N, C-alpha and C. Protein backbone atom coordinates (compact mmCIF):
# COMPACT_ATOMS: atom_id res chain seq x y z
N MET A 1 108.25 87.44 89.20
CA MET A 1 107.53 86.25 90.31
C MET A 1 108.05 84.82 90.15
N ALA A 2 108.48 84.78 88.80
CA ALA A 2 108.85 83.57 88.63
C ALA A 2 110.20 83.09 89.21
N GLY A 3 111.16 84.06 89.20
CA GLY A 3 112.47 84.02 90.06
C GLY A 3 112.17 83.66 91.52
N TYR A 4 111.47 84.51 91.97
CA TYR A 4 110.95 84.25 93.70
C TYR A 4 110.34 83.20 93.83
N ALA A 5 109.58 82.54 92.84
CA ALA A 5 108.92 81.24 93.40
C ALA A 5 109.76 80.10 92.90
N TYR A 6 110.70 80.22 92.31
CA TYR A 6 111.55 79.32 92.08
C TYR A 6 112.73 79.11 93.33
N ARG A 7 112.99 80.26 93.86
CA ARG A 7 114.08 80.30 94.97
C ARG A 7 113.03 79.70 96.19
N HIS A 8 112.04 80.29 96.36
CA HIS A 8 111.32 80.01 97.69
C HIS A 8 110.23 78.65 97.60
N TYR A 9 110.07 78.37 96.35
CA TYR A 9 109.03 77.25 96.21
C TYR A 9 109.22 76.00 95.30
N GLY A 10 110.46 76.40 94.66
CA GLY A 10 110.88 75.18 93.54
C GLY A 10 110.04 75.18 92.50
N VAL A 11 109.41 76.33 92.39
CA VAL A 11 108.57 76.24 91.10
C VAL A 11 108.96 77.24 90.06
N ARG A 12 109.16 76.86 88.71
CA ARG A 12 109.54 77.70 87.76
C ARG A 12 108.39 78.36 86.80
N SER A 13 107.67 79.05 87.73
CA SER A 13 106.25 79.74 86.90
C SER A 13 105.79 80.69 88.15
N PHE A 14 105.31 81.80 87.51
CA PHE A 14 104.79 82.53 88.18
C PHE A 14 103.12 82.55 88.18
N ARG A 15 102.73 81.42 87.59
CA ARG A 15 101.37 80.96 87.73
C ARG A 15 100.76 80.55 89.00
N LEU A 16 99.61 80.98 89.45
CA LEU A 16 99.02 80.71 90.69
C LEU A 16 97.80 79.51 90.22
N HIS A 17 97.73 78.56 91.20
CA HIS A 17 96.83 77.83 91.43
C HIS A 17 96.04 77.73 92.72
N PRO A 18 95.22 78.52 92.84
CA PRO A 18 94.61 78.79 94.14
C PRO A 18 94.03 77.51 94.99
N LYS A 19 94.54 77.37 96.44
CA LYS A 19 93.88 76.66 96.94
C LYS A 19 93.62 77.07 98.42
N LEU A 20 94.13 78.40 98.40
CA LEU A 20 94.06 79.24 99.72
C LEU A 20 93.92 80.60 99.71
N ILE A 21 92.87 80.92 100.55
CA ILE A 21 92.79 82.77 100.57
C ILE A 21 93.34 83.21 101.97
N VAL A 22 93.97 84.16 101.72
CA VAL A 22 94.88 84.91 103.00
C VAL A 22 94.37 86.12 103.19
N LEU A 23 93.89 86.21 104.36
CA LEU A 23 93.25 87.74 104.82
C LEU A 23 94.32 88.67 105.30
N HIS A 24 94.52 89.90 104.88
CA HIS A 24 95.30 90.74 105.28
C HIS A 24 94.60 92.03 105.79
N PHE A 25 95.03 93.07 106.71
CA PHE A 25 94.63 94.45 106.81
C PHE A 25 95.91 94.98 106.45
N THR A 26 95.89 96.17 105.84
CA THR A 26 97.12 97.04 105.58
C THR A 26 97.13 98.24 106.48
N ASP A 27 98.33 98.41 106.79
CA ASP A 27 98.44 99.64 107.47
C ASP A 27 99.48 100.91 106.74
N SER A 28 99.20 100.46 105.25
CA SER A 28 100.16 101.41 104.51
C SER A 28 99.48 102.72 104.09
N GLY A 29 100.13 103.85 104.01
CA GLY A 29 99.68 105.08 103.42
C GLY A 29 98.57 105.48 104.53
N PRO A 30 98.11 106.38 104.02
CA PRO A 30 97.33 107.23 105.24
C PRO A 30 95.71 106.48 105.33
N GLY A 31 95.71 105.09 105.14
CA GLY A 31 94.45 104.73 105.51
C GLY A 31 93.54 104.49 104.40
N SER A 32 94.31 104.58 103.07
CA SER A 32 93.16 104.59 102.19
C SER A 32 93.71 103.80 100.77
N TYR A 33 92.68 103.39 99.92
CA TYR A 33 93.13 102.77 98.85
C TYR A 33 94.31 103.35 98.00
N PRO A 34 94.33 104.71 97.66
CA PRO A 34 95.37 105.31 97.12
C PRO A 34 96.74 105.17 97.58
N GLY A 35 97.07 105.05 98.91
CA GLY A 35 98.04 104.83 99.75
C GLY A 35 98.76 103.16 99.41
N VAL A 36 97.43 102.39 99.57
CA VAL A 36 98.01 101.06 99.35
C VAL A 36 98.16 100.64 97.80
N HIS A 37 97.60 101.17 96.96
CA HIS A 37 97.93 101.08 95.53
C HIS A 37 99.20 101.59 95.28
N ALA A 38 99.56 102.65 95.78
CA ALA A 38 101.00 103.15 95.40
C ALA A 38 102.05 102.29 96.05
N LEU A 39 101.69 101.78 97.13
CA LEU A 39 102.90 100.71 97.90
C LEU A 39 103.11 99.71 96.84
N PHE A 40 102.04 98.81 96.52
CA PHE A 40 102.21 97.77 95.55
C PHE A 40 102.71 98.41 94.11
N ASN A 41 102.26 99.34 93.80
CA ASN A 41 102.73 99.78 92.43
C ASN A 41 104.35 100.06 92.45
N ALA A 42 104.85 100.60 93.65
CA ALA A 42 106.08 100.83 93.57
C ALA A 42 107.06 99.77 93.38
N ASN A 43 106.59 98.54 93.79
CA ASN A 43 107.52 97.17 93.51
C ASN A 43 108.69 97.42 94.02
N ALA A 44 108.67 98.02 95.53
CA ALA A 44 110.20 98.10 95.90
C ALA A 44 110.60 96.56 96.55
N PRO A 45 111.93 96.47 96.53
CA PRO A 45 112.24 94.94 97.20
C PRO A 45 111.56 94.91 98.65
N ASN A 46 111.41 93.80 99.00
CA ASN A 46 111.33 93.39 100.30
C ASN A 46 111.96 92.37 100.56
N GLY A 47 112.46 92.34 102.04
CA GLY A 47 113.55 91.44 102.40
C GLY A 47 114.61 91.36 101.47
N GLY A 48 114.93 92.22 100.80
CA GLY A 48 116.23 92.48 99.88
C GLY A 48 115.93 91.84 98.44
N GLU A 49 114.64 91.35 98.29
CA GLU A 49 114.26 90.63 97.03
C GLU A 49 113.09 91.34 96.31
N LEU A 50 113.30 91.28 94.90
CA LEU A 50 111.98 91.48 94.06
C LEU A 50 111.09 90.17 93.78
N PRO A 51 109.79 90.08 93.41
CA PRO A 51 109.17 91.45 93.32
C PRO A 51 108.91 91.98 94.79
N GLY A 52 108.20 93.37 94.62
CA GLY A 52 107.44 93.83 95.85
C GLY A 52 106.29 93.35 96.42
N VAL A 53 105.86 93.58 97.57
CA VAL A 53 104.57 93.23 98.07
C VAL A 53 103.12 93.58 97.29
N CYS A 54 102.44 92.53 97.21
CA CYS A 54 101.14 92.94 96.41
C CYS A 54 100.08 91.95 96.72
N ALA A 55 98.84 92.27 96.56
CA ALA A 55 97.85 91.26 96.99
C ALA A 55 97.18 91.28 95.68
N HIS A 56 96.03 90.24 95.52
CA HIS A 56 95.20 90.11 94.50
C HIS A 56 93.96 91.29 94.59
N TYR A 57 93.47 91.48 95.59
CA TYR A 57 92.54 92.34 96.05
C TYR A 57 92.66 93.17 97.33
N VAL A 58 92.21 94.56 97.09
CA VAL A 58 92.15 95.21 98.16
C VAL A 58 90.73 95.84 98.42
N VAL A 59 90.14 95.77 99.75
CA VAL A 59 88.64 96.00 99.76
C VAL A 59 88.89 97.36 100.80
N ASP A 60 88.35 98.55 100.38
CA ASP A 60 88.34 99.70 101.03
C ASP A 60 87.13 99.62 102.10
N GLN A 61 87.27 100.79 103.09
CA GLN A 61 86.33 100.93 104.21
C GLN A 61 84.95 101.00 103.68
N ASP A 62 84.74 101.73 102.56
CA ASP A 62 83.39 101.90 102.00
C ASP A 62 82.89 100.56 101.29
N GLY A 63 83.61 99.37 101.32
CA GLY A 63 83.28 98.32 100.35
C GLY A 63 83.59 98.10 99.20
N THR A 64 84.12 99.18 98.59
CA THR A 64 84.65 98.96 97.08
C THR A 64 85.95 98.07 97.03
N ILE A 65 85.59 97.11 96.00
CA ILE A 65 86.73 96.17 96.04
C ILE A 65 87.48 96.30 94.72
N TYR A 66 88.70 96.47 94.72
CA TYR A 66 89.86 96.54 93.92
C TYR A 66 90.66 95.51 93.60
N GLN A 67 90.55 95.14 92.27
CA GLN A 67 91.31 93.87 91.92
C GLN A 67 92.78 94.27 91.45
N GLN A 68 93.73 93.82 91.88
CA GLN A 68 95.05 94.48 91.42
C GLN A 68 95.79 93.59 90.63
N VAL A 69 95.60 92.21 90.89
CA VAL A 69 96.23 91.19 89.99
C VAL A 69 95.35 89.89 89.54
N PRO A 70 95.66 89.63 88.17
CA PRO A 70 94.62 88.63 87.90
C PRO A 70 95.05 87.31 88.49
N LEU A 71 93.99 86.63 88.73
CA LEU A 71 93.74 85.41 89.88
C LEU A 71 94.77 84.31 89.36
N ASP A 72 95.26 84.33 87.88
CA ASP A 72 96.43 83.18 87.66
C ASP A 72 98.02 83.62 87.83
N ILE A 73 98.03 84.80 88.45
CA ILE A 73 99.36 85.18 88.68
C ILE A 73 99.53 85.21 90.41
N MET A 74 100.66 84.78 90.45
CA MET A 74 101.04 84.89 92.15
C MET A 74 101.44 86.28 92.54
N CYS A 75 101.21 86.43 93.78
CA CYS A 75 101.43 87.54 94.29
C CYS A 75 102.44 87.41 95.77
N ARG A 76 102.95 88.38 95.92
CA ARG A 76 103.77 88.38 97.17
C ARG A 76 103.20 88.91 98.20
N HIS A 77 102.61 88.06 99.08
CA HIS A 77 101.79 88.71 100.24
C HIS A 77 101.99 87.95 101.48
N ALA A 78 102.27 86.60 101.38
CA ALA A 78 102.38 85.71 102.63
C ALA A 78 103.36 84.68 102.32
N ILE A 79 104.47 84.91 103.07
CA ILE A 79 105.57 83.77 102.89
C ILE A 79 105.13 82.31 102.86
N GLY A 80 105.48 81.71 102.17
CA GLY A 80 105.47 80.08 102.28
C GLY A 80 104.08 79.48 101.62
N VAL A 81 103.19 80.61 101.21
CA VAL A 81 101.95 80.25 100.46
C VAL A 81 101.63 80.93 99.31
N ASN A 82 102.34 81.75 99.10
CA ASN A 82 102.18 82.54 97.63
C ASN A 82 101.98 81.66 96.33
N ASP A 83 102.36 80.63 96.38
CA ASP A 83 102.43 79.85 95.17
C ASP A 83 100.95 79.00 95.23
N HIS A 84 100.12 79.30 96.32
CA HIS A 84 98.82 78.72 96.21
C HIS A 84 97.93 79.72 96.93
N ALA A 85 98.38 80.58 97.43
CA ALA A 85 97.29 81.80 97.91
C ALA A 85 96.85 82.92 97.08
N ILE A 86 95.44 83.15 97.10
CA ILE A 86 94.97 84.41 97.01
C ILE A 86 95.11 85.43 98.04
N GLY A 87 95.40 86.60 97.95
CA GLY A 87 95.79 87.58 98.96
C GLY A 87 94.45 88.73 98.76
N ILE A 88 93.87 88.91 100.19
CA ILE A 88 92.89 90.05 99.99
C ILE A 88 93.63 91.08 101.09
N GLU A 89 93.58 92.19 100.61
CA GLU A 89 93.95 93.31 101.77
C GLU A 89 92.63 94.12 102.13
N MET A 90 92.71 94.43 103.38
CA MET A 90 91.36 95.44 103.79
C MET A 90 92.17 96.71 104.24
N ILE A 91 91.55 97.57 103.91
CA ILE A 91 92.34 99.04 104.52
C ILE A 91 91.65 99.10 105.92
N GLN A 92 92.85 99.21 106.95
CA GLN A 92 92.53 99.33 108.21
C GLN A 92 93.93 99.71 108.79
N GLN A 93 93.82 100.56 109.80
CA GLN A 93 95.09 101.01 110.65
C GLN A 93 95.15 100.01 111.66
N GLN A 94 96.43 99.62 111.94
CA GLN A 94 96.61 98.62 113.35
C GLN A 94 96.07 99.07 114.57
N GLY A 95 96.14 100.17 115.02
CA GLY A 95 95.61 100.65 116.09
C GLY A 95 96.37 100.26 117.12
N ILE A 96 95.85 99.68 118.25
CA ILE A 96 96.26 99.42 119.49
C ILE A 96 96.65 97.73 119.32
N SER A 97 96.07 97.15 118.26
CA SER A 97 96.46 95.49 118.33
C SER A 97 95.75 94.89 117.05
N SER A 98 96.36 93.87 116.27
CA SER A 98 95.92 93.29 115.50
C SER A 98 94.60 92.76 115.57
N HIS A 99 94.16 92.23 116.66
CA HIS A 99 92.92 91.74 117.18
C HIS A 99 91.95 93.18 116.95
N TRP A 100 92.21 93.97 117.61
CA TRP A 100 91.52 95.46 117.69
C TRP A 100 91.25 95.67 115.98
N ALA A 101 92.31 95.69 115.21
CA ALA A 101 92.15 96.24 113.86
C ALA A 101 91.16 95.04 112.99
N ASP A 102 91.36 93.75 113.29
CA ASP A 102 90.56 92.79 112.83
C ASP A 102 89.01 92.97 113.22
N GLN A 103 88.71 93.39 114.61
CA GLN A 103 87.46 93.65 115.18
C GLN A 103 86.71 94.99 114.19
N GLN A 104 87.78 95.84 113.98
CA GLN A 104 86.93 97.08 113.41
C GLN A 104 86.30 96.64 111.95
N ILE A 105 87.18 95.96 111.27
CA ILE A 105 86.93 95.47 110.06
C ILE A 105 85.51 94.59 110.09
N LEU A 106 85.60 93.60 111.06
CA LEU A 106 84.41 92.77 111.13
C LEU A 106 83.07 93.47 111.54
N HIS A 107 83.07 94.79 112.27
CA HIS A 107 82.07 95.49 112.55
C HIS A 107 81.65 96.73 111.61
N ARG A 108 82.55 96.94 110.53
CA ARG A 108 82.50 97.83 109.57
C ARG A 108 81.57 97.38 108.36
N ARG A 109 80.14 97.43 108.46
CA ARG A 109 79.28 96.74 107.58
C ARG A 109 79.76 96.82 106.13
N PRO A 110 79.81 97.83 105.41
CA PRO A 110 80.32 98.26 104.05
C PRO A 110 81.41 96.90 103.66
N GLN A 111 82.35 97.20 104.42
CA GLN A 111 83.57 96.36 104.19
C GLN A 111 83.32 95.17 104.25
N ILE A 112 82.88 94.66 105.54
CA ILE A 112 82.68 93.22 105.95
C ILE A 112 81.81 92.44 104.85
N ARG A 113 80.75 93.04 104.12
CA ARG A 113 79.99 92.46 103.52
C ARG A 113 80.71 92.17 102.22
N SER A 114 81.37 93.06 101.75
CA SER A 114 82.16 93.00 100.30
C SER A 114 83.19 91.74 100.59
N VAL A 115 83.76 91.86 101.83
CA VAL A 115 85.01 90.82 101.83
C VAL A 115 84.05 89.31 101.89
N LEU A 116 83.06 89.34 102.65
CA LEU A 116 82.54 88.08 102.90
C LEU A 116 81.92 87.70 101.28
N ALA A 117 81.42 88.36 100.60
CA ALA A 117 81.10 88.09 99.21
C ALA A 117 82.22 87.88 98.33
N LEU A 118 83.29 88.52 98.46
CA LEU A 118 84.30 88.23 97.36
C LEU A 118 84.71 86.92 97.88
N VAL A 119 84.98 86.51 99.23
CA VAL A 119 85.54 85.06 99.70
C VAL A 119 84.41 84.14 99.25
N ARG A 120 83.38 84.23 99.49
CA ARG A 120 82.39 83.37 99.04
C ARG A 120 82.59 83.10 97.25
N TRP A 121 82.54 84.14 96.55
CA TRP A 121 82.95 83.81 95.16
C TRP A 121 84.29 83.28 94.93
N LEU A 122 85.29 83.64 95.63
CA LEU A 122 86.30 83.07 95.24
C LEU A 122 86.47 81.48 95.72
N GLN A 123 85.81 81.21 96.84
CA GLN A 123 85.66 79.66 97.37
C GLN A 123 84.86 78.99 96.17
N GLY A 124 83.79 79.52 95.82
CA GLY A 124 83.30 78.90 94.74
C GLY A 124 83.95 78.58 93.51
N ARG A 125 84.39 79.60 93.01
CA ARG A 125 85.33 79.69 91.79
C ARG A 125 86.49 78.50 91.62
N PHE A 126 87.04 78.60 92.74
CA PHE A 126 88.26 77.69 93.17
C PHE A 126 88.16 76.54 94.03
N HIS A 127 86.94 76.13 94.47
CA HIS A 127 86.60 75.09 95.33
C HIS A 127 87.50 75.20 96.64
N ILE A 128 87.56 76.20 97.47
CA ILE A 128 88.32 76.49 98.25
C ILE A 128 87.73 76.31 99.59
N ALA A 129 88.17 75.28 100.30
CA ALA A 129 87.48 74.75 101.66
C ALA A 129 87.43 75.91 102.76
N GLN A 130 86.16 75.92 103.66
CA GLN A 130 86.40 77.24 104.50
C GLN A 130 87.76 77.06 105.66
N LYS A 131 88.38 76.03 105.94
CA LYS A 131 89.65 75.77 106.52
C LYS A 131 90.77 76.36 105.86
N ASN A 132 90.46 76.63 104.75
CA ASN A 132 91.73 77.14 103.89
C ASN A 132 91.50 78.83 103.67
N VAL A 133 90.59 79.21 104.41
CA VAL A 133 90.26 80.57 104.59
C VAL A 133 91.15 81.22 105.77
N ILE A 134 92.47 81.85 105.60
CA ILE A 134 93.23 82.16 106.88
C ILE A 134 93.77 83.29 106.95
N GLY A 135 93.96 83.79 108.19
CA GLY A 135 94.46 85.21 108.34
C GLY A 135 96.20 85.08 108.20
N HIS A 136 96.83 86.10 108.03
CA HIS A 136 98.20 86.22 107.76
C HIS A 136 98.94 85.53 108.94
N SER A 137 98.44 85.96 109.91
CA SER A 137 99.15 85.41 111.25
C SER A 137 99.20 83.67 111.27
N MET A 138 98.37 83.17 110.28
CA MET A 138 98.08 81.65 110.51
C MET A 138 98.85 81.13 109.20
N ALA A 139 99.58 81.70 108.39
CA ALA A 139 100.19 81.21 107.30
C ALA A 139 101.30 80.16 107.63
N ASN A 140 101.89 80.30 108.71
CA ASN A 140 103.26 79.33 109.29
C ASN A 140 102.61 78.09 109.50
N ASP A 141 101.32 77.90 109.87
CA ASP A 141 100.91 76.80 110.58
C ASP A 141 99.98 75.99 109.43
N SER A 142 99.88 76.44 108.10
CA SER A 142 99.01 75.96 107.09
C SER A 142 99.82 74.97 106.67
N PRO A 143 99.08 73.62 106.14
CA PRO A 143 99.71 72.54 105.64
C PRO A 143 100.18 72.67 104.21
N LEU A 144 99.85 73.91 103.73
CA LEU A 144 100.37 74.28 102.60
C LEU A 144 101.55 75.08 102.54
N PHE A 145 102.16 75.54 103.69
CA PHE A 145 103.26 76.36 103.81
C PHE A 145 104.54 75.57 103.52
N HIS A 146 105.35 76.32 102.83
CA HIS A 146 106.88 75.66 102.60
C HIS A 146 107.44 76.73 102.13
N ASP A 147 108.71 76.83 102.55
CA ASP A 147 109.72 77.94 102.16
C ASP A 147 111.48 77.29 101.89
N ARG A 148 111.73 77.23 100.62
CA ARG A 148 113.11 76.46 100.50
C ARG A 148 114.22 77.43 101.28
N GLU A 149 113.96 79.08 101.49
CA GLU A 149 114.81 79.76 102.05
C GLU A 149 114.80 79.60 103.58
N GLY A 150 113.97 79.22 104.03
CA GLY A 150 113.48 79.05 105.55
C GLY A 150 113.08 80.22 105.95
N TRP A 151 112.50 81.06 104.89
CA TRP A 151 111.72 82.21 105.72
C TRP A 151 110.44 82.06 106.31
N ARG A 152 110.20 82.70 107.30
CA ARG A 152 108.71 82.58 108.02
C ARG A 152 108.11 83.96 108.07
N ASN A 153 106.90 84.21 108.39
CA ASN A 153 105.89 85.31 108.57
C ASN A 153 106.05 85.48 109.94
N ASP A 154 105.80 87.03 110.06
CA ASP A 154 106.12 87.52 111.37
C ASP A 154 104.70 88.61 111.60
N HIS A 155 103.92 88.53 110.55
CA HIS A 155 102.83 89.27 110.60
C HIS A 155 101.72 88.94 111.57
N THR A 156 101.08 89.61 112.32
CA THR A 156 99.74 89.48 113.21
C THR A 156 98.43 89.77 112.64
N ASP A 157 98.39 90.15 111.52
CA ASP A 157 97.04 90.65 111.08
C ASP A 157 96.17 89.25 110.82
N TRP A 158 95.09 89.23 111.16
CA TRP A 158 93.99 88.52 111.22
C TRP A 158 94.17 87.26 111.77
N GLN A 159 94.06 87.62 113.41
CA GLN A 159 94.11 86.78 114.11
C GLN A 159 93.08 85.40 114.02
N ALA A 160 93.48 84.19 114.49
CA ALA A 160 92.92 83.02 114.40
C ALA A 160 91.27 83.43 115.07
N GLN A 161 91.22 83.76 115.86
CA GLN A 161 90.08 83.99 116.62
C GLN A 161 88.89 84.77 115.82
N ASP A 162 89.63 85.96 115.30
CA ASP A 162 88.77 86.54 114.22
C ASP A 162 88.56 85.92 112.99
N VAL A 163 89.62 85.25 112.59
CA VAL A 163 89.20 84.30 111.17
C VAL A 163 88.11 83.51 111.71
N ARG A 164 87.86 82.87 112.54
CA ARG A 164 86.79 81.98 113.01
C ARG A 164 85.66 82.66 112.95
N GLU A 165 85.54 83.74 113.33
CA GLU A 165 84.24 84.68 113.37
C GLU A 165 84.03 84.94 112.02
N LEU A 166 84.68 85.19 110.73
CA LEU A 166 84.65 85.77 109.67
C LEU A 166 84.18 84.37 108.88
N ARG A 167 84.68 83.19 109.25
CA ARG A 167 84.04 82.00 108.79
C ARG A 167 82.84 81.53 109.23
N ARG A 168 82.55 81.88 110.24
CA ARG A 168 81.10 81.65 110.99
C ARG A 168 80.19 82.32 109.90
N ARG A 169 80.65 83.65 109.63
CA ARG A 169 79.68 84.54 108.98
C ARG A 169 79.45 84.02 107.31
N LEU A 170 80.50 83.15 107.05
CA LEU A 170 80.41 82.80 105.37
C LEU A 170 79.19 81.83 105.41
C-alpha cells in the first residue's frame, strides 16, 4: 500500500489519517460476507496494480459488522481519497440500479442500524464532519480528492440523494 500511496498521492506511507468515510455496496460473490471477504483476501491486482481492493469494514445484511483492516492502515476502496478515507462496504446486489440498491440498504433495518451506529462511532472517534460522509459515486467531487496518476472513480454506488438520506438519519 505504501507504493500505491506514493504513486497516487505522493505519500511515502501506508498509514491512514481519517478525514472521510466512504460508503459502498458490494456486488461481489453470492451476496454474502464470505464472498466479499474472499475477494478482499485474494489481493488480486486492480487496474493492473497491487494491492487489491479492500475496505475497513463490511456490514452484512443481518447487521453483523466485520472489521477487515485496522483503522490506521490505508485501504484501496475509492480512487483519489484512499489516503484520507475509511471504507465501509455493505452487502447488497446492485439489481436494477445503484439508487435501487442504496434504497434496499436504507430500508433493511438490521443493516442500516449497524451502518448508522458504525458511522456515528467513526465520526466521533476521528472528528469527521457530516459533509465528509460520502458515497463512492461522490468521491471525485470531494475537496480531498487527488490522484497523481490522473485516475478517476467510475463507480455509482451510494448516490448523493441516498447519502443525504443516510446523513439525515445520523
